């Protein structure tokens, strides 16, 4: 973990983490793939988790009044079960299989919205059953490869929350998930002293990017914001499929 190439990738990854926590659609998912250009994906995931957690603290403050309590109450129990399943299956389920599955789900959902449009009808109610299911998928994929965004979006986009409530609910949900992931990541040896040293240097960069993301969410028009969400979901899902297939 040295050299200009590594540090350029590390800084870019930290900016992505912070901007994602500030509410910019799924940008945080780019962080591990960027850093994995210079180090192994497993090491990249372990190094960035503390950066995610610290960035979450700033995101929680920024969106402390903007969230949907019902969505959180439904999706978080499922997510905790998903994290536990990811921990239990950490040595049995290949990461690339998870990447391909998550990517295909995201591609299908995003293409459906793009091709059929997103009608202006009434928002769906946050249903318990689907929320627990997609919450579990979110927790599992977030644990395995920090890629919980696509399944989370599949459940929350049809609810048609306002952009600030959407961003705030996402920030709180993943803040809780990331905090819980610290325990199994530590147990699996992914929070090494070397990783923590680099993470500490990246935390201020990510914290600054959080507020840049919050500012962009406030100035982007609603339709443009959610269009970005959908296209980001498609692009990143395709990237997950490609990465998993190549792996």
C-alpha atoms as a PDB file:
ATOM      1  CA  UNK A   1       0.000   0.000   0.000  1.00  0.00           C
ATOM      2  CA  UNK A   2       2.396   2.608  -1.260  1.00  0.00           C
ATOM      3  CA  UNK A   3       3.319   4.605  -4.343  1.00  0.00           C
ATOM      4  CA  UNK A   4       1.525   7.391  -6.252  1.00  0.00           C
ATOM      5  CA  UNK A   5      -0.842   4.986  -8.006  1.00  0.00           C
ATOM      6  CA  UNK A   6      -2.139   3.592  -4.740  1.00  0.00           C
ATOM      7  CA  UNK A   7      -2.595   7.007  -3.145  1.00  0.00           C
ATOM      8  CA  UNK A   8      -4.392   8.446  -6.181  1.00  0.00           C
ATOM      9  CA  UNK A   9      -6.799   5.512  -6.091  1.00  0.00           C
ATOM     10  CA  UNK A  10      -7.178   5.779  -2.296  1.00  0.00           C
ATOM     11  CA  UNK A  11      -8.030   9.492  -2.408  1.00  0.00           C
ATOM     12  CA  UNK A  12     -10.511   8.940  -5.259  1.00  0.00           C
ATOM     13  CA  UNK A  13     -12.111   6.095  -3.304  1.00  0.00           C
ATOM     14  CA  UNK A  14     -12.407   8.261  -0.178  1.00  0.00           C
ATOM     15  CA  UNK A  15     -14.086  11.040  -2.195  1.00  0.00           C
ATOM     16  CA  UNK A  16     -16.554   8.482  -3.575  1.00  0.00           C
ATOM     17  CA  UNK A  17     -17.329   7.198  -0.075  1.00  0.00           C
ATOM     18  CA  UNK A  18     -17.979  10.708   1.238  1.00  0.00           C
ATOM     19  CA  UNK A  19     -20.042  11.859  -1.744  1.00  0.00           C
ATOM     20  CA  UNK A  20     -22.122   8.698  -1.502  1.00  0.00           C
ATOM     21  CA  UNK A  21     -22.811   9.364   2.172  1.00  0.00           C
ATOM     22  CA  UNK A  22     -23.756  12.910   1.215  1.00  0.00           C
ATOM     23  CA  UNK A  23     -26.580  11.504  -0.898  1.00  0.00           C
ATOM     24  CA  UNK A  24     -25.140  11.283  -4.420  1.00  0.00           C
ATOM     25  CA  UNK A  25     -26.642   8.135  -5.975  1.00  0.00           C
ATOM     26  CA  UNK A  26     -24.643   4.980  -5.330  1.00  0.00           C
ATOM     27  CA  UNK A  27     -21.300   6.769  -5.818  1.00  0.00           C
ATOM     28  CA  UNK A  28     -19.942   5.004  -2.761  1.00  0.00           C
ATOM     29  CA  UNK A  29     -20.109   1.700  -4.638  1.00  0.00           C
ATOM     30  CA  UNK A  30     -17.296   2.914  -6.876  1.00  0.00           C
ATOM     31  CA  UNK A  31     -14.882   3.104  -3.968  1.00  0.00           C
ATOM     32  CA  UNK A  32     -13.902  -0.568  -3.665  1.00  0.00           C
ATOM     33  CA  UNK A  33     -13.546  -1.131  -7.449  1.00  0.00           C
ATOM     34  CA  UNK A  34     -11.338   1.981  -7.709  1.00  0.00           C
ATOM     35  CA  UNK A  35      -9.085   0.941  -4.834  1.00  0.00           C
ATOM     36  CA  UNK A  36      -9.041  -2.653  -6.078  1.00  0.00           C
ATOM     37  CA  UNK A  37      -7.142  -1.404  -9.120  1.00  0.00           C
ATOM     38  CA  UNK A  38      -4.054  -1.233  -6.885  1.00  0.00           C
ATOM     39  CA  UNK A  39      -4.678  -3.763  -4.066  1.00  0.00           C
ATOM     40  CA  UNK A  40      -6.796  -6.885  -3.589  1.00  0.00           C
ATOM     41  CA  UNK A  41     -10.600  -6.388  -3.331  1.00  0.00           C
ATOM     42  CA  UNK A  42     -10.671  -8.017   0.125  1.00  0.00           C
ATOM     43  CA  UNK A  43      -7.977  -5.657   1.438  1.00  0.00           C
ATOM     44  CA  UNK A  44      -9.729  -2.700  -0.194  1.00  0.00           C
ATOM     45  CA  UNK A  45     -13.034  -3.572   1.491  1.00  0.00           C
ATOM     46  CA  UNK A  46     -11.387  -3.904   4.896  1.00  0.00           C
ATOM     47  CA  UNK A  47      -9.432  -0.672   4.519  1.00  0.00           C
ATOM     48  CA  UNK A  48     -12.454   1.372   3.461  1.00  0.00           C
ATOM     49  CA  UNK A  49     -14.958   0.132   6.058  1.00  0.00           C
ATOM     50  CA  UNK A  50     -13.669   2.500   8.815  1.00  0.00           C
ATOM     51  CA  UNK A  51     -13.801   5.349   6.261  1.00  0.00           C
ATOM     52  CA  UNK A  52     -17.426   4.445   5.558  1.00  0.00           C
ATOM     53  CA  UNK A  53     -18.251   4.422   9.275  1.00  0.00           C
ATOM     54  CA  UNK A  54     -16.700   7.848   9.963  1.00  0.00           C
ATOM     55  CA  UNK A  55     -18.350   9.315   6.862  1.00  0.00           C
ATOM     56  CA  UNK A  56     -21.651   7.888   8.120  1.00  0.00           C
ATOM     57  CA  UNK A  57     -21.358  10.059  11.238  1.00  0.00           C
ATOM     58  CA  UNK A  58     -21.233  13.232   9.144  1.00  0.00           C
ATOM     59  CA  UNK A  59     -24.039  11.985   6.916  1.00  0.00           C
ATOM     60  CA  UNK A  60     -26.202  11.237   9.958  1.00  0.00           C
ATOM     61  CA  UNK A  61     -25.770  14.794  11.186  1.00  0.00           C
ATOM     62  CA  UNK A  62     -26.508  16.277   7.760  1.00  0.00           C
ATOM     63  CA  UNK A  63     -29.737  14.259   7.320  1.00  0.00           C
ATOM     64  CA  UNK A  64     -30.784  14.013  10.975  1.00  0.00           C
ATOM     65  CA  UNK A  65     -34.266  15.431  10.179  1.00  0.00           C
ATOM     66  CA  UNK A  66     -34.822  13.859   6.740  1.00  0.00           C
ATOM     67  CA  UNK A  67     -35.707  10.162   6.826  1.00  0.00           C
ATOM     68  CA  UNK A  68     -38.597   7.700   6.644  1.00  0.00           C
ATOM     69  CA  UNK A  69     -38.886   5.879   9.960  1.00  0.00           C
ATOM     70  CA  UNK A  70     -41.207   3.185   8.602  1.00  0.00           C
ATOM     71  CA  UNK A  71     -38.766   2.225   5.850  1.00  0.00           C
ATOM     72  CA  UNK A  72     -35.912   2.007   8.349  1.00  0.00           C
ATOM     73  CA  UNK A  73     -37.983  -0.054  10.799  1.00  0.00           C
ATOM     74  CA  UNK A  74     -38.774  -2.549   8.023  1.00  0.00           C
ATOM     75  CA  UNK A  75     -35.493  -2.809   6.150  1.00  0.00           C
ATOM     76  CA  UNK A  76     -32.979  -2.807   9.023  1.00  0.00           C
ATOM     77  CA  UNK A  77     -34.053  -6.090  10.726  1.00  0.00           C
ATOM     78  CA  UNK A  78     -33.718  -7.826   7.369  1.00  0.00           C
ATOM     79  CA  UNK A  79     -30.355  -6.179   6.803  1.00  0.00           C
ATOM     80  CA  UNK A  80     -29.058  -7.413  10.164  1.00  0.00           C
ATOM     81  CA  UNK A  81     -30.056 -10.955   9.209  1.00  0.00           C
ATOM     82  CA  UNK A  82     -28.297 -10.473   5.864  1.00  0.00           C
ATOM     83  CA  UNK A  83     -25.073  -9.326   7.535  1.00  0.00           C
ATOM     84  CA  UNK A  84     -25.200 -12.368   9.831  1.00  0.00           C
ATOM     85  CA  UNK A  85     -25.702 -14.637   6.814  1.00  0.00           C
ATOM     86  CA  UNK A  86     -22.791 -12.965   5.040  1.00  0.00           C
ATOM     87  CA  UNK A  87     -20.562 -13.541   8.057  1.00  0.00           C
ATOM     88  CA  UNK A  88     -21.599 -17.187   8.293  1.00  0.00           C
ATOM     89  CA  UNK A  89     -21.017 -17.733   4.573  1.00  0.00           C
ATOM     90  CA  UNK A  90     -17.844 -15.632   4.315  1.00  0.00           C
ATOM     91  CA  UNK A  91     -15.651 -18.619   3.517  1.00  0.00           C
ATOM     92  CA  UNK A  92     -18.172 -20.519   1.368  1.00  0.00           C
ATOM     93  CA  UNK A  93     -19.808 -18.100  -1.100  1.00  0.00           C
ATOM     94  CA  UNK A  94     -17.522 -16.738  -3.847  1.00  0.00           C
ATOM     95  CA  UNK A  95     -17.633 -12.936  -4.011  1.00  0.00           C
ATOM     96  CA  UNK A  96     -17.953 -13.036  -7.780  1.00  0.00           C
ATOM     97  CA  UNK A  97     -21.196 -15.021  -7.635  1.00  0.00           C
ATOM     98  CA  UNK A  98     -22.671 -12.386  -5.348  1.00  0.00           C
ATOM     99  CA  UNK A  99     -21.458  -9.599  -7.657  1.00  0.00           C
ATOM    100  CA  UNK A 100     -23.123 -11.217 -10.680  1.00  0.00           C
ATOM    101  CA  UNK A 101     -26.423 -11.843  -8.864  1.00  0.00           C
ATOM    102  CA  UNK A 102     -26.622  -8.327  -7.435  1.00  0.00           C
ATOM    103  CA  UNK A 103     -25.650  -6.840 -10.775  1.00  0.00           C
ATOM    104  CA  UNK A 104     -28.319  -8.755 -12.681  1.00  0.00           C
ATOM    105  CA  UNK A 105     -31.015  -7.663 -10.222  1.00  0.00           C
ATOM    106  CA  UNK A 106     -29.964  -4.033 -10.601  1.00  0.00           C
ATOM    107  CA  UNK A 107     -29.772  -4.224 -14.417  1.00  0.00           C
ATOM    108  CA  UNK A 108     -33.250  -5.723 -14.753  1.00  0.00           C
ATOM    109  CA  UNK A 109     -34.801  -3.207 -12.372  1.00  0.00           C
ATOM    110  CA  UNK A 110     -33.079  -0.178 -13.919  1.00  0.00           C
ATOM    111  CA  UNK A 111     -33.913  -1.219 -17.499  1.00  0.00           C
ATOM    112  CA  UNK A 112     -37.537  -1.712 -16.489  1.00  0.00           C
ATOM    113  CA  UNK A 113     -37.694   1.864 -15.178  1.00  0.00           C
ATOM    114  CA  UNK A 114     -35.865   3.297 -18.186  1.00  0.00           C
ATOM    115  CA  UNK A 115     -37.870   1.448 -20.847  1.00  0.00           C
ATOM    116  CA  UNK A 116     -41.294   1.659 -19.217  1.00  0.00           C
ATOM    117  CA  UNK A 117     -40.797   4.999 -17.562  1.00  0.00           C
ATOM    118  CA  UNK A 118     -41.484   5.960 -13.969  1.00  0.00           C
ATOM    119  CA  UNK A 119     -45.163   6.961 -13.910  1.00  0.00           C
ATOM    120  CA  UNK A 120     -46.396   9.824 -11.776  1.00  0.00           C
ATOM    121  CA  UNK A 121     -48.910   7.679  -9.931  1.00  0.00           C
ATOM    122  CA  UNK A 122     -49.150   7.365  -6.169  1.00  0.00           C
ATOM    123  CA  UNK A 123     -46.091   6.048  -4.319  1.00  0.00           C
ATOM    124  CA  UNK A 124     -46.124   2.474  -3.097  1.00  0.00           C
ATOM    125  CA  UNK A 125     -46.496   1.805   0.598  1.00  0.00           C
ATOM    126  CA  UNK A 126     -43.439   0.385   2.350  1.00  0.00           C
ATOM    127  CA  UNK A 127     -44.595  -3.246   2.647  1.00  0.00           C
ATOM    128  CA  UNK A 128     -43.203  -5.498   5.369  1.00  0.00           C
ATOM    129  CA  UNK A 129     -42.518  -8.696   3.421  1.00  0.00           C
ATOM    130  CA  UNK A 130     -40.642  -7.196   0.459  1.00  0.00           C
ATOM    131  CA  UNK A 131     -38.799  -4.861   2.821  1.00  0.00           C
ATOM    132  CA  UNK A 132     -37.494  -7.703   4.963  1.00  0.00           C
ATOM    133  CA  UNK A 133     -36.456  -9.654   1.857  1.00  0.00           C
ATOM    134  CA  UNK A 134     -34.642  -6.791   0.123  1.00  0.00           C
ATOM    135  CA  UNK A 135     -33.194  -5.709   3.452  1.00  0.00           C
ATOM    136  CA  UNK A 136     -31.666  -9.168   3.879  1.00  0.00           C
ATOM    137  CA  UNK A 137     -30.228  -9.064   0.349  1.00  0.00           C
ATOM    138  CA  UNK A 138     -28.889  -5.569   1.048  1.00  0.00           C
ATOM    139  CA  UNK A 139     -27.179  -6.660   4.269  1.00  0.00           C
ATOM    140  CA  UNK A 140     -25.696  -9.785   2.698  1.00  0.00           C
ATOM    141  CA  UNK A 141     -24.291  -8.065  -0.393  1.00  0.00           C
ATOM    142  CA  UNK A 142     -23.083  -5.090   1.629  1.00  0.00           C
ATOM    143  CA  UNK A 143     -21.141  -7.453   3.881  1.00  0.00           C
ATOM    144  CA  UNK A 144     -19.622  -9.463   1.046  1.00  0.00           C
ATOM    145  CA  UNK A 145     -18.610  -6.642  -1.308  1.00  0.00           C
ATOM    146  CA  UNK A 146     -19.941  -3.253  -0.052  1.00  0.00           C
ATOM    147  CA  UNK A 147     -22.521  -3.477  -2.869  1.00  0.00           C
ATOM    148  CA  UNK A 148     -25.806  -3.172  -1.006  1.00  0.00           C
ATOM    149  CA  UNK A 149     -26.972  -0.245  -3.150  1.00  0.00           C
ATOM    150  CA  UNK A 150     -28.795  -2.073  -5.989  1.00  0.00           C
ATOM    151  CA  UNK A 151     -31.063  -4.304  -3.847  1.00  0.00           C
ATOM    152  CA  UNK A 152     -31.754  -1.373  -1.531  1.00  0.00           C
ATOM    153  CA  UNK A 153     -32.766   0.743  -4.531  1.00  0.00           C
ATOM    154  CA  UNK A 154     -35.060  -1.994  -5.846  1.00  0.00           C
ATOM    155  CA  UNK A 155     -37.145  -1.688  -2.675  1.00  0.00           C
ATOM    156  CA  UNK A 156     -36.960   2.061  -2.050  1.00  0.00           C
ATOM    157  CA  UNK A 157     -37.243   3.669  -5.502  1.00  0.00           C
ATOM    158  CA  UNK A 158     -40.926   2.657  -6.007  1.00  0.00           C
ATOM    159  CA  UNK A 159     -41.756   4.325  -2.671  1.00  0.00           C
ATOM    160  CA  UNK A 160     -41.100   7.713  -4.333  1.00  0.00           C
ATOM    161  CA  UNK A 161     -39.725   9.500  -1.311  1.00  0.00           C
ATOM    162  CA  UNK A 162     -38.578  13.076  -1.769  1.00  0.00           C
ATOM    163  CA  UNK A 163     -34.907  13.343  -2.721  1.00  0.00           C
ATOM    164  CA  UNK A 164     -33.777  14.548   0.715  1.00  0.00           C
ATOM    165  CA  UNK A 165     -35.793  11.866   2.551  1.00  0.00           C
ATOM    166  CA  UNK A 166     -34.504   9.273   0.075  1.00  0.00           C
ATOM    167  CA  UNK A 167     -30.903  10.377   0.683  1.00  0.00           C
ATOM    168  CA  UNK A 168     -31.371  10.611   4.456  1.00  0.00           C
ATOM    169  CA  UNK A 169     -33.055   7.228   4.778  1.00  0.00           C
ATOM    170  CA  UNK A 170     -30.293   5.631   2.696  1.00  0.00           C
ATOM    171  CA  UNK A 171     -27.595   7.311   4.794  1.00  0.00           C
ATOM    172  CA  UNK A 172     -29.091   6.133   8.094  1.00  0.00           C
ATOM    173  CA  UNK A 173     -29.734   2.594   6.853  1.00  0.00           C
ATOM    174  CA  UNK A 174     -26.191   2.077   5.632  1.00  0.00           C
ATOM    175  CA  UNK A 175     -24.712   3.801   8.687  1.00  0.00           C
ATOM    176  CA  UNK A 176     -26.313   1.134  10.869  1.00  0.00           C
ATOM    177  CA  UNK A 177     -25.298  -1.676   8.500  1.00  0.00           C
ATOM    178  CA  UNK A 178     -21.686  -0.480   8.327  1.00  0.00           C
ATOM    179  CA  UNK A 179     -21.412  -0.110  12.101  1.00  0.00           C
ATOM    180  CA  UNK A 180     -22.654  -3.669  12.598  1.00  0.00           C
ATOM    181  CA  UNK A 181     -20.195  -4.943   9.957  1.00  0.00           C
ATOM    182  CA  UNK A 182     -17.252  -3.765  12.074  1.00  0.00           C
ATOM    183  CA  UNK A 183     -17.642  -6.746  14.414  1.00  0.00           C
ATOM    184  CA  UNK A 184     -17.427  -9.549  11.816  1.00  0.00           C
ATOM    185  CA  UNK A 185     -14.797  -7.668   9.785  1.00  0.00           C
ATOM    186  CA  UNK A 186     -12.622  -7.414  12.896  1.00  0.00           C
ATOM    187  CA  UNK A 187     -13.230 -11.072  13.695  1.00  0.00           C
ATOM    188  CA  UNK A 188     -12.198 -12.051  10.152  1.00  0.00           C
ATOM    189  CA  UNK A 189      -8.971 -10.033  10.437  1.00  0.00           C
ATOM    190  CA  UNK A 190      -9.825  -7.389   7.840  1.00  0.00           C
ATOM    191  CA  UNK A 191      -9.251  -4.428  10.191  1.00  0.00           C
ATOM    192  CA  UNK A 192      -5.463  -4.700  10.409  1.00  0.00           C
ATOM    193  CA  UNK A 193      -3.190  -2.017  11.857  1.00  0.00           C
ATOM    194  CA  UNK A 194      -1.855  -1.176   8.388  1.00  0.00           C
ATOM    195  CA  UNK A 195      -5.389  -0.733   7.040  1.00  0.00           C
ATOM    196  CA  UNK A 196      -6.392   1.465   9.974  1.00  0.00           C
ATOM    197  CA  UNK A 197      -3.348   3.708   9.491  1.00  0.00           C
ATOM    198  CA  UNK A 198      -4.274   4.405   5.865  1.00  0.00           C
ATOM    199  CA  UNK A 199      -7.975   4.733   6.750  1.00  0.00           C
ATOM    200  CA  UNK A 200      -7.194   7.445   9.309  1.00  0.00           C
ATOM    201  CA  UNK A 201      -5.473   9.507   6.608  1.00  0.00           C
ATOM    202  CA  UNK A 202      -8.432   9.117   4.242  1.00  0.00           C
ATOM    203  CA  UNK A 203     -11.146  10.003   6.771  1.00  0.00           C
ATOM    204  CA  UNK A 204     -10.823  13.839   6.525  1.00  0.00           C
ATOM    205  CA  UNK A 205     -11.047  13.630   2.722  1.00  0.00           C
ATOM    206  CA  UNK A 206     -14.192  11.525   2.902  1.00  0.00           C
ATOM    207  CA  UNK A 207     -15.730  13.828   5.544  1.00  0.00           C
ATOM    208  CA  UNK A 208     -15.271  16.861   3.302  1.00  0.00           C
ATOM    209  CA  UNK A 209     -16.830  14.992   0.378  1.00  0.00           C
ATOM    210  CA  UNK A 210     -19.934  14.253   2.493  1.00  0.00           C
ATOM    211  CA  UNK A 211     -20.853  17.942   2.623  1.00  0.00           C
ATOM    212  CA  UNK A 212     -20.102  18.379  -1.077  1.00  0.00           C
ATOM    213  CA  UNK A 213     -22.587  15.576  -1.729  1.00  0.00           C
ATOM    214  CA  UNK A 214     -25.221  17.156   0.540  1.00  0.00           C
ATOM    215  CA  UNK A 215     -24.845  20.455  -1.338  1.00  0.00           C
ATOM    216  CA  UNK A 216     -25.317  18.755  -4.714  1.00  0.00           C
ATOM    217  CA  UNK A 217     -28.444  16.939  -3.498  1.00  0.00           C
ATOM    218  CA  UNK A 218     -29.972  20.269  -2.468  1.00  0.00           C
ATOM    219  CA  UNK A 219     -29.365  21.988  -5.819  1.00  0.00           C
ATOM    220  CA  UNK A 220     -30.253  19.102  -8.171  1.00  0.00           C
ATOM    221  CA  UNK A 221     -33.869  19.098  -9.470  1.00  0.00           C
ATOM    222  CA  UNK A 222     -35.912  16.121  -8.254  1.00  0.00           C
ATOM    223  CA  UNK A 223     -36.394  14.528 -11.691  1.00  0.00           C
ATOM    224  CA  UNK A 224     -32.709  14.877 -12.531  1.00  0.00           C
ATOM    225  CA  UNK A 225     -31.731  13.445  -9.130  1.00  0.00           C
ATOM    226  CA  UNK A 226     -33.775  10.276  -9.558  1.00  0.00           C
ATOM    227  CA  UNK A 227     -32.752   9.954 -13.211  1.00  0.00           C
ATOM    228  CA  UNK A 228     -29.177   9.930 -11.970  1.00  0.00           C
ATOM    229  CA  UNK A 229     -30.110   7.284  -9.409  1.00  0.00           C
ATOM    230  CA  UNK A 230     -31.574   5.005 -12.074  1.00  0.00           C
ATOM    231  CA  UNK A 231     -28.730   5.415 -14.567  1.00  0.00           C
ATOM    232  CA  UNK A 232     -26.123   5.054 -11.825  1.00  0.00           C
ATOM    233  CA  UNK A 233     -27.876   1.852 -10.754  1.00  0.00           C
ATOM    234  CA  UNK A 234     -27.709   0.518 -14.326  1.00  0.00           C
ATOM    235  CA  UNK A 235     -24.058   1.447 -14.899  1.00  0.00           C
ATOM    236  CA  UNK A 236     -22.832   0.135 -11.573  1.00  0.00           C
ATOM    237  CA  UNK A 237     -24.890  -3.048 -11.886  1.00  0.00           C
ATOM    238  CA  UNK A 238     -23.345  -3.709 -15.294  1.00  0.00           C
ATOM    239  CA  UNK A 239     -19.952  -3.094 -13.751  1.00  0.00           C
ATOM    240  CA  UNK A 240     -20.707  -5.636 -11.003  1.00  0.00           C
ATOM    241  CA  UNK A 241     -21.737  -8.260 -13.578  1.00  0.00           C
ATOM    242  CA  UNK A 242     -18.597  -7.609 -15.632  1.00  0.00           C
ATOM    243  CA  UNK A 243     -16.307  -7.723 -12.589  1.00  0.00           C
ATOM    244  CA  UNK A 244     -17.898 -10.930 -11.324  1.00  0.00           C
ATOM    245  CA  UNK A 245     -17.748 -12.571 -14.743  1.00  0.00           C
ATOM    246  CA  UNK A 246     -14.088 -11.670 -15.258  1.00  0.00           C
ATOM    247  CA  UNK A 247     -13.262 -12.896 -11.764  1.00  0.00           C
END
